[in-house]
Amino acid sequence: MKMRSFTKLYQVMMESAVKRAKKYNIADDRIIFVRMNGHKLELADNSVDAVIALDMLHQVDCPELVMNEIIRVLFKTINH
C-alpha cells in the first residue's frame, strides 16, 4: 500500500473520531485529536490523561523512545 493511502486512511479515522465525539456531546476542551511524531510529542510534561497510539509501535525503529514520550506527557498520577 502506498504511503498516500495510509495518510488518507488516518485522515478518515481522525474525521470519524471527531464526528463520534460530537455525536456524544464531548466538549472540545475535554478531548483533542492530533497526529504527531511519536518520538517527540508536542505536548507539555504531565499534560494529558490518555494517549491513544493505534497500530504504530511495531512500525517505529525505537518503540521504547515512543513509549518514553507517552509516559512523559501523561499526568503523574498515571505514571506510577
PDB file of N, CA and C in Angstrom:
ATOM      1  N   MET A   1       0.847  -1.175   0.000  1.00  0.00           N
ATOM      2  CA  MET A   1       0.000   0.000   0.000  1.00  0.00           C
ATOM      3  C   MET A   1       0.895   1.241   0.000  1.00  0.00           C
ATOM      4  N   LYS A   2       0.542   2.234  -0.775  1.00  0.00           N
ATOM      5  CA  LYS A   2       1.320   3.459  -0.868  1.00  0.00           C
ATOM      6  C   LYS A   2       1.143   4.304   0.384  1.00  0.00           C
ATOM      7  N   MET A   3       2.169   5.113   0.693  1.00  0.00           N
ATOM      8  CA  MET A   3       2.105   5.996   1.854  1.00  0.00           C
ATOM      9  C   MET A   3       0.893   6.919   1.778  1.00  0.00           C
ATOM     10  N   ARG A   4       0.565   7.385   0.591  1.00  0.00           N
ATOM     11  CA  ARG A   4      -0.584   8.267   0.435  1.00  0.00           C
ATOM     12  C   ARG A   4      -1.866   7.585   0.891  1.00  0.00           C
ATOM     13  N   SER A   5      -1.976   6.297   0.640  1.00  0.00           N
ATOM     14  CA  SER A   5      -3.160   5.547   1.058  1.00  0.00           C
ATOM     15  C   SER A   5      -3.256   5.483   2.580  1.00  0.00           C
ATOM     16  N   PHE A   6      -2.099   5.274   3.244  1.00  0.00           N
ATOM     17  CA  PHE A   6      -2.096   5.264   4.708  1.00  0.00           C
ATOM     18  C   PHE A   6      -2.496   6.623   5.257  1.00  0.00           C
ATOM     19  N   THR A   7      -1.970   7.683   4.647  1.00  0.00           N
ATOM     20  CA  THR A   7      -2.304   9.030   5.102  1.00  0.00           C
ATOM     21  C   THR A   7      -3.795   9.273   4.974  1.00  0.00           C
ATOM     22  N   LYS A   8      -4.383   8.854   3.880  1.00  0.00           N
ATOM     23  CA  LYS A   8      -5.826   9.015   3.689  1.00  0.00           C
ATOM     24  C   LYS A   8      -6.603   8.207   4.724  1.00  0.00           C
ATOM     25  N   LEU A   9      -6.158   6.984   4.994  1.00  0.00           N
ATOM     26  CA  LEU A   9      -6.814   6.145   5.995  1.00  0.00           C
ATOM     27  C   LEU A   9      -6.774   6.817   7.368  1.00  0.00           C
ATOM     28  N   TYR A  10      -5.620   7.344   7.764  1.00  0.00           N
ATOM     29  CA  TYR A  10      -5.514   8.018   9.059  1.00  0.00           C
ATOM     30  C   TYR A  10      -6.423   9.234   9.119  1.00  0.00           C
ATOM     31  N   GLN A  11      -6.524   9.959   8.003  1.00  0.00           N
ATOM     32  CA  GLN A  11      -7.399  11.130   7.963  1.00  0.00           C
ATOM     33  C   GLN A  11      -8.859  10.711   8.130  1.00  0.00           C
ATOM     34  N   VAL A  12      -9.266   9.646   7.474  1.00  0.00           N
ATOM     35  CA  VAL A  12     -10.632   9.138   7.602  1.00  0.00           C
ATOM     36  C   VAL A  12     -10.904   8.705   9.040  1.00  0.00           C
ATOM     37  N   MET A  13      -9.944   8.021   9.652  1.00  0.00           N
ATOM     38  CA  MET A  13     -10.098   7.585  11.043  1.00  0.00           C
ATOM     39  C   MET A  13     -10.232   8.787  11.984  1.00  0.00           C
ATOM     40  N   MET A  14      -9.402   9.809  11.762  1.00  0.00           N
ATOM     41  CA  MET A  14      -9.440  11.010  12.592  1.00  0.00           C
ATOM     42  C   MET A  14     -10.785  11.719  12.446  1.00  0.00           C
ATOM     43  N   GLU A  15     -11.262  11.867  11.217  1.00  0.00           N
ATOM     44  CA  GLU A  15     -12.552  12.516  10.986  1.00  0.00           C
ATOM     45  C   GLU A  15     -13.686  11.734  11.639  1.00  0.00           C
ATOM     46  N   SER A  16     -13.612  10.421  11.590  1.00  0.00           N
ATOM     47  CA  SER A  16     -14.630   9.587  12.217  1.00  0.00           C
ATOM     48  C   SER A  16     -14.635   9.775  13.731  1.00  0.00           C
ATOM     49  N   ALA A  17     -13.460   9.851  14.327  1.00  0.00           N
ATOM     50  CA  ALA A  17     -13.360  10.048  15.781  1.00  0.00           C
ATOM     51  C   ALA A  17     -13.935  11.403  16.186  1.00  0.00           C
ATOM     52  N   VAL A  18     -13.643  12.435  15.416  1.00  0.00           N
ATOM     53  CA  VAL A  18     -14.173  13.771  15.704  1.00  0.00           C
ATOM     54  C   VAL A  18     -15.697  13.760  15.619  1.00  0.00           C
ATOM     55  N   LYS A  19     -16.253  13.148  14.583  1.00  0.00           N
ATOM     56  CA  LYS A  19     -17.709  13.063  14.434  1.00  0.00           C
ATOM     57  C   LYS A  19     -18.349  12.316  15.598  1.00  0.00           C
ATOM     58  N   ARG A  20     -17.712  11.228  16.013  1.00  0.00           N
ATOM     59  CA  ARG A  20     -18.256  10.442  17.119  1.00  0.00           C
ATOM     60  C   ARG A  20     -18.246  11.254  18.414  1.00  0.00           C
ATOM     61  N   ALA A  21     -17.179  12.002  18.658  1.00  0.00           N
ATOM     62  CA  ALA A  21     -17.115  12.838  19.861  1.00  0.00           C
ATOM     63  C   ALA A  21     -18.226  13.880  19.853  1.00  0.00           C
ATOM     64  N   LYS A  22     -18.466  14.481  18.685  1.00  0.00           N
ATOM     65  CA  LYS A  22     -19.546  15.473  18.584  1.00  0.00           C
ATOM     66  C   LYS A  22     -20.907  14.822  18.790  1.00  0.00           C
ATOM     67  N   LYS A  23     -21.081  13.624  18.235  1.00  0.00           N
ATOM     68  CA  LYS A  23     -22.351  12.901  18.382  1.00  0.00           C
ATOM     69  C   LYS A  23     -22.689  12.672  19.849  1.00  0.00           C
ATOM     70  N   TYR A  24     -21.676  12.384  20.658  1.00  0.00           N
ATOM     71  CA  TYR A  24     -21.895  12.110  22.076  1.00  0.00           C
ATOM     72  C   TYR A  24     -21.665  13.336  22.951  1.00  0.00           C
ATOM     73  N   ASN A  25     -21.627  14.515  22.317  1.00  0.00           N
ATOM     74  CA  ASN A  25     -21.525  15.798  23.029  1.00  0.00           C
ATOM     75  C   ASN A  25     -20.314  15.881  23.954  1.00  0.00           C
ATOM     76  N   ILE A  26     -19.193  15.380  23.513  1.00  0.00           N
ATOM     77  CA  ILE A  26     -17.959  15.506  24.289  1.00  0.00           C
ATOM     78  C   ILE A  26     -17.389  16.891  24.011  1.00  0.00           C
ATOM     79  N   ALA A  27     -17.200  17.670  25.055  1.00  0.00           N
ATOM     80  CA  ALA A  27     -16.753  19.054  24.917  1.00  0.00           C
ATOM     81  C   ALA A  27     -15.376  19.133  24.258  1.00  0.00           C
ATOM     82  N   ASP A  28     -15.186  20.168  23.430  1.00  0.00           N
ATOM     83  CA  ASP A  28     -13.923  20.357  22.718  1.00  0.00           C
ATOM     84  C   ASP A  28     -12.733  20.515  23.658  1.00  0.00           C
ATOM     85  N   ASP A  29     -12.964  21.023  24.850  1.00  0.00           N
ATOM     86  CA  ASP A  29     -11.839  21.199  25.779  1.00  0.00           C
ATOM     87  C   ASP A  29     -11.524  19.917  26.555  1.00  0.00           C
ATOM     88  N   ARG A  30     -12.278  18.850  26.327  1.00  0.00           N
ATOM     89  CA  ARG A  30     -12.060  17.578  27.022  1.00  0.00           C
ATOM     90  C   ARG A  30     -11.278  16.579  26.184  1.00  0.00           C
ATOM     91  N   ILE A  31     -11.232  16.786  24.872  1.00  0.00           N
ATOM     92  CA  ILE A  31     -10.575  15.813  24.004  1.00  0.00           C
ATOM     93  C   ILE A  31      -9.990  16.542  22.795  1.00  0.00           C
ATOM     94  N   ILE A  32      -8.792  16.137  22.413  1.00  0.00           N
ATOM     95  CA  ILE A  32      -8.187  16.679  21.199  1.00  0.00           C
ATOM     96  C   ILE A  32      -7.767  15.510  20.311  1.00  0.00           C
ATOM     97  N   PHE A  33      -7.856  15.714  19.028  1.00  0.00           N
ATOM     98  CA  PHE A  33      -7.444  14.707  18.068  1.00  0.00           C
ATOM     99  C   PHE A  33      -6.287  15.294  17.269  1.00  0.00           C
ATOM    100  N   VAL A  34      -5.125  14.696  17.394  1.00  0.00           N
ATOM    101  CA  VAL A  34      -3.956  15.175  16.664  1.00  0.00           C
ATOM    102  C   VAL A  34      -3.127  13.995  16.193  1.00  0.00           C
ATOM    103  N   ARG A  35      -2.371  14.243  15.155  1.00  0.00           N
ATOM    104  CA  ARG A  35      -1.411  13.269  14.665  1.00  0.00           C
ATOM    105  C   ARG A  35      -0.040  13.894  14.841  1.00  0.00           C
ATOM    106  N   MET A  36       0.844  13.213  15.581  1.00  0.00           N
ATOM    107  CA  MET A  36       2.160  13.768  15.897  1.00  0.00           C
ATOM    108  C   MET A  36       3.249  12.737  15.679  1.00  0.00           C
ATOM    109  N   ASN A  37       4.460  13.231  15.634  1.00  0.00           N
ATOM    110  CA  ASN A  37       5.643  12.378  15.623  1.00  0.00           C
ATOM    111  C   ASN A  37       5.764  11.751  17.004  1.00  0.00           C
ATOM    112  N   GLY A  38       5.692  10.446  17.081  1.00  0.00           N
ATOM    113  CA  GLY A  38       5.738   9.757  18.368  1.00  0.00           C
ATOM    114  C   GLY A  38       7.057   9.873  19.102  1.00  0.00           C
ATOM    115  N   HIS A  39       8.123  10.213  18.391  1.00  0.00           N
ATOM    116  CA  HIS A  39       9.431  10.357  19.031  1.00  0.00           C
ATOM    117  C   HIS A  39       9.580  11.693  19.741  1.00  0.00           C
ATOM    118  N   LYS A  40       8.743  12.668  19.398  1.00  0.00           N
ATOM    119  CA  LYS A  40       8.785  13.982  20.044  1.00  0.00           C
ATOM    120  C   LYS A  40       7.388  14.575  20.043  1.00  0.00           C
ATOM    121  N   LEU A  41       6.609  14.209  21.042  1.00  0.00           N
ATOM    122  CA  LEU A  41       5.237  14.708  21.146  1.00  0.00           C
ATOM    123  C   LEU A  41       5.264  16.193  21.501  1.00  0.00           C
ATOM    124  N   GLU A  42       4.485  16.981  20.810  1.00  0.00           N
ATOM    125  CA  GLU A  42       4.436  18.423  21.028  1.00  0.00           C
ATOM    126  C   GLU A  42       3.437  18.758  22.131  1.00  0.00           C
ATOM    127  N   LEU A  43       3.644  18.152  23.293  1.00  0.00           N
ATOM    128  CA  LEU A  43       2.797  18.345  24.462  1.00  0.00           C
ATOM    129  C   LEU A  43       3.700  18.559  25.677  1.00  0.00           C
ATOM    130  N   ALA A  44       3.220  19.312  26.630  1.00  0.00           N
ATOM    131  CA  ALA A  44       3.983  19.557  27.850  1.00  0.00           C
ATOM    132  C   ALA A  44       4.044  18.300  28.714  1.00  0.00           C
ATOM    133  N   ASP A  45       5.049  18.222  29.550  1.00  0.00           N
ATOM    134  CA  ASP A  45       5.155  17.127  30.510  1.00  0.00           C
ATOM    135  C   ASP A  45       3.891  17.078  31.366  1.00  0.00           C
ATOM    136  N   ASN A  46       3.449  15.871  31.687  1.00  0.00           N
ATOM    137  CA  ASN A  46       2.319  15.663  32.603  1.00  0.00           C
ATOM    138  C   ASN A  46       1.075  16.464  32.213  1.00  0.00           C
ATOM    139  N   SER A  47       0.752  16.486  30.926  1.00  0.00           N
ATOM    140  CA  SER A  47      -0.322  17.377  30.475  1.00  0.00           C
ATOM    141  C   SER A  47      -1.589  16.681  29.987  1.00  0.00           C
ATOM    142  N   VAL A  48      -1.592  15.359  29.872  1.00  0.00           N
ATOM    143  CA  VAL A  48      -2.776  14.681  29.344  1.00  0.00           C
ATOM    144  C   VAL A  48      -3.156  13.469  30.194  1.00  0.00           C
ATOM    145  N   ASP A  49      -4.438  13.111  30.117  1.00  0.00           N
ATOM    146  CA  ASP A  49      -4.948  11.940  30.833  1.00  0.00           C
ATOM    147  C   ASP A  49      -4.664  10.645  30.086  1.00  0.00           C
ATOM    148  N   ALA A  50      -4.672  10.703  28.757  1.00  0.00           N
ATOM    149  CA  ALA A  50      -4.523   9.486  27.965  1.00  0.00           C
ATOM    150  C   ALA A  50      -3.906   9.798  26.610  1.00  0.00           C
ATOM    151  N   VAL A  51      -3.201   8.821  26.089  1.00  0.00           N
ATOM    152  CA  VAL A  51      -2.663   8.879  24.730  1.00  0.00           C
ATOM    153  C   VAL A  51      -3.113   7.600  24.041  1.00  0.00           C
ATOM    154  N   ILE A  52      -3.668   7.750  22.865  1.00  0.00           N
ATOM    155  CA  ILE A  52      -4.064   6.579  22.094  1.00  0.00           C
ATOM    156  C   ILE A  52      -3.163   6.510  20.868  1.00  0.00           C
ATOM    157  N   ALA A  53      -2.400   5.447  20.786  1.00  0.00           N
ATOM    158  CA  ALA A  53      -1.484   5.239  19.660  1.00  0.00           C
ATOM    159  C   ALA A  53      -1.897   3.935  18.981  1.00  0.00           C
ATOM    160  N   LEU A  54      -2.578   4.061  17.870  1.00  0.00           N
ATOM    161  CA  LEU A  54      -3.129   2.896  17.193  1.00  0.00           C
ATOM    162  C   LEU A  54      -2.199   2.369  16.112  1.00  0.00           C
ATOM    163  N   ASP A  55      -1.956   1.081  16.137  1.00  0.00           N
ATOM    164  CA  ASP A  55      -1.279   0.393  15.048  1.00  0.00           C
ATOM    165  C   ASP A  55       0.012   1.082  14.620  1.00  0.00           C
ATOM    166  N   MET A  56       0.902   1.380  15.589  1.00  0.00           N
ATOM    167  CA  MET A  56       2.100   2.087  15.192  1.00  0.00           C
ATOM    168  C   MET A  56       3.380   1.618  15.872  1.00  0.00           C
ATOM    169  N   LEU A  57       3.320   1.080  17.055  1.00  0.00           N
ATOM    170  CA  LEU A  57       4.557   0.735  17.757  1.00  0.00           C
ATOM    171  C   LEU A  57       5.408  -0.274  16.995  1.00  0.00           C
ATOM    172  N   HIS A  58       4.789  -1.183  16.300  1.00  0.00           N
ATOM    173  CA  HIS A  58       5.555  -2.172  15.540  1.00  0.00           C
ATOM    174  C   HIS A  58       6.155  -1.579  14.269  1.00  0.00           C
ATOM    175  N   GLN A  59       5.796  -0.338  13.952  1.00  0.00           N
ATOM    176  CA  GLN A  59       6.280   0.289  12.731  1.00  0.00           C
ATOM    177  C   GLN A  59       7.409   1.288  12.961  1.00  0.00           C
ATOM    178  N   VAL A  60       7.738   1.578  14.217  1.00  0.00           N
ATOM    179  CA  VAL A  60       8.799   2.548  14.503  1.00  0.00           C
ATOM    180  C   VAL A  60      10.096   1.828  14.833  1.00  0.00           C
ATOM    181  N   ASP A  61      11.216   2.506  14.561  1.00  0.00           N
ATOM    182  CA  ASP A  61      12.525   1.906  14.813  1.00  0.00           C
ATOM    183  C   ASP A  61      12.800   1.683  16.303  1.00  0.00           C
ATOM    184  N   CYS A  62      12.378   2.629  17.134  1.00  0.00           N
ATOM    185  CA  CYS A  62      12.655   2.546  18.570  1.00  0.00           C
ATOM    186  C   CYS A  62      11.364   2.732  19.367  1.00  0.00           C
ATOM    187  N   PRO A  63      10.562   1.674  19.502  1.00  0.00           N
ATOM    188  CA  PRO A  63       9.299   1.819  20.229  1.00  0.00           C
ATOM    189  C   PRO A  63       9.499   2.263  21.678  1.00  0.00           C
ATOM    190  N   GLU A  64      10.668   1.958  22.253  1.00  0.00           N
ATOM    191  CA  GLU A  64      10.942   2.377  23.633  1.00  0.00           C
ATOM    192  C   GLU A  64      10.950   3.897  23.744  1.00  0.00           C
ATOM    193  N   LEU A  65      11.495   4.579  22.739  1.00  0.00           N
ATOM    194  CA  LEU A  65      11.513   6.043  22.751  1.00  0.00           C
ATOM    195  C   LEU A  65      10.103   6.616  22.660  1.00  0.00           C
ATOM    196  N   VAL A  66       9.281   5.998  21.847  1.00  0.00           N
ATOM    197  CA  VAL A  66       7.890   6.452  21.719  1.00  0.00           C
ATOM    198  C   VAL A  66       7.164   6.244  23.053  1.00  0.00           C
ATOM    199  N   MET A  67       7.360   5.108  23.670  1.00  0.00           N
ATOM    200  CA  MET A  67       6.711   4.850  24.960  1.00  0.00           C
ATOM    201  C   MET A  67       7.194   5.835  26.027  1.00  0.00           C
ATOM    202  N   ASN A  68       8.483   6.169  26.007  1.00  0.00           N
ATOM    203  CA  ASN A  68       9.004   7.157  26.960  1.00  0.00           C
ATOM    204  C   ASN A  68       8.352   8.524  26.760  1.00  0.00           C
ATOM    205  N   GLU A  69       8.107   8.894  25.507  1.00  0.00           N
ATOM    206  CA  GLU A  69       7.416  10.159  25.222  1.00  0.00           C
ATOM    207  C   GLU A  69       5.985  10.117  25.737  1.00  0.00           C
ATOM    208  N   ILE A  70       5.314   9.006  25.537  1.00  0.00           N
ATOM    209  CA  ILE A  70       3.936   8.869  26.032  1.00  0.00           C
ATOM    210  C   ILE A  70       3.917   8.995  27.549  1.00  0.00           C
ATOM    211  N   ILE A  71       4.829   8.323  28.207  1.00  0.00           N
ATOM    212  CA  ILE A  71       4.912   8.399  29.668  1.00  0.00           C
ATOM    213  C   ILE A  71       5.206   9.825  30.124  1.00  0.00           C
ATOM    214  N   ARG A  72       6.065  10.523  29.387  1.00  0.00           N
ATOM    215  CA  ARG A  72       6.437  11.894  29.745  1.00  0.00           C
ATOM    216  C   ARG A  72       5.220  12.821  29.758  1.00  0.00           C
ATOM    217  N   VAL A  73       4.324  12.676  28.787  1.00  0.00           N
ATOM    218  CA  VAL A  73       3.200  13.616  28.694  1.00  0.00           C
ATOM    219  C   VAL A  73       2.009  13.239  29.565  1.00  0.00           C
ATOM    220  N   LEU A  74       1.965  12.018  30.042  1.00  0.00           N
ATOM    221  CA  LEU A  74       0.846  11.594  30.892  1.00  0.00           C
ATOM    222  C   LEU A  74       0.939  12.219  32.278  1.00  0.00           C
ATOM    223  N   PHE A  75      -0.220  12.538  32.860  1.00  0.00           N
ATOM    224  CA  PHE A  75      -0.253  13.055  34.221  1.00  0.00           C
ATOM    225  C   PHE A  75       0.486  12.120  35.157  1.00  0.00           C
ATOM    226  N   LYS A  76       1.165  12.684  36.138  1.00  0.00           N
ATOM    227  CA  LYS A  76       1.966  11.891  37.072  1.00  0.00           C
ATOM    228  C   LYS A  76       1.157  10.816  37.784  1.00  0.00           C
ATOM    229  N   THR A  77      -0.115  11.074  38.052  1.00  0.00           N
ATOM    230  CA  THR A  77      -0.918  10.070  38.754  1.00  0.00           C
ATOM    231  C   THR A  77      -1.029   8.791  37.941  1.00  0.00           C
ATOM    232  N   ILE A  78      -0.835   8.877  36.623  1.00  0.00           N
ATOM    233  CA  ILE A  78      -0.901   7.699  35.761  1.00  0.00           C
ATOM    234  C   ILE A  78       0.467   7.034  35.651  1.00  0.00           C
ATOM    235  N   ASN A  79       1.534   7.776  35.913  1.00  0.00           N
ATOM    236  CA  ASN A  79       2.887   7.269  35.715  1.00  0.00           C
ATOM    237  C   ASN A  79       3.343   6.255  36.762  1.00  0.00           C
ATOM    238  N   HIS A  80       2.550   5.960  37.750  1.00  0.00           N
ATOM    239  CA  HIS A  80       3.031   5.064  38.832  1.00  0.00           C
ATOM    240  C   HIS A  80       2.941   3.632  38.448  1.00  0.00           C
TER     241      HIS A  80
END
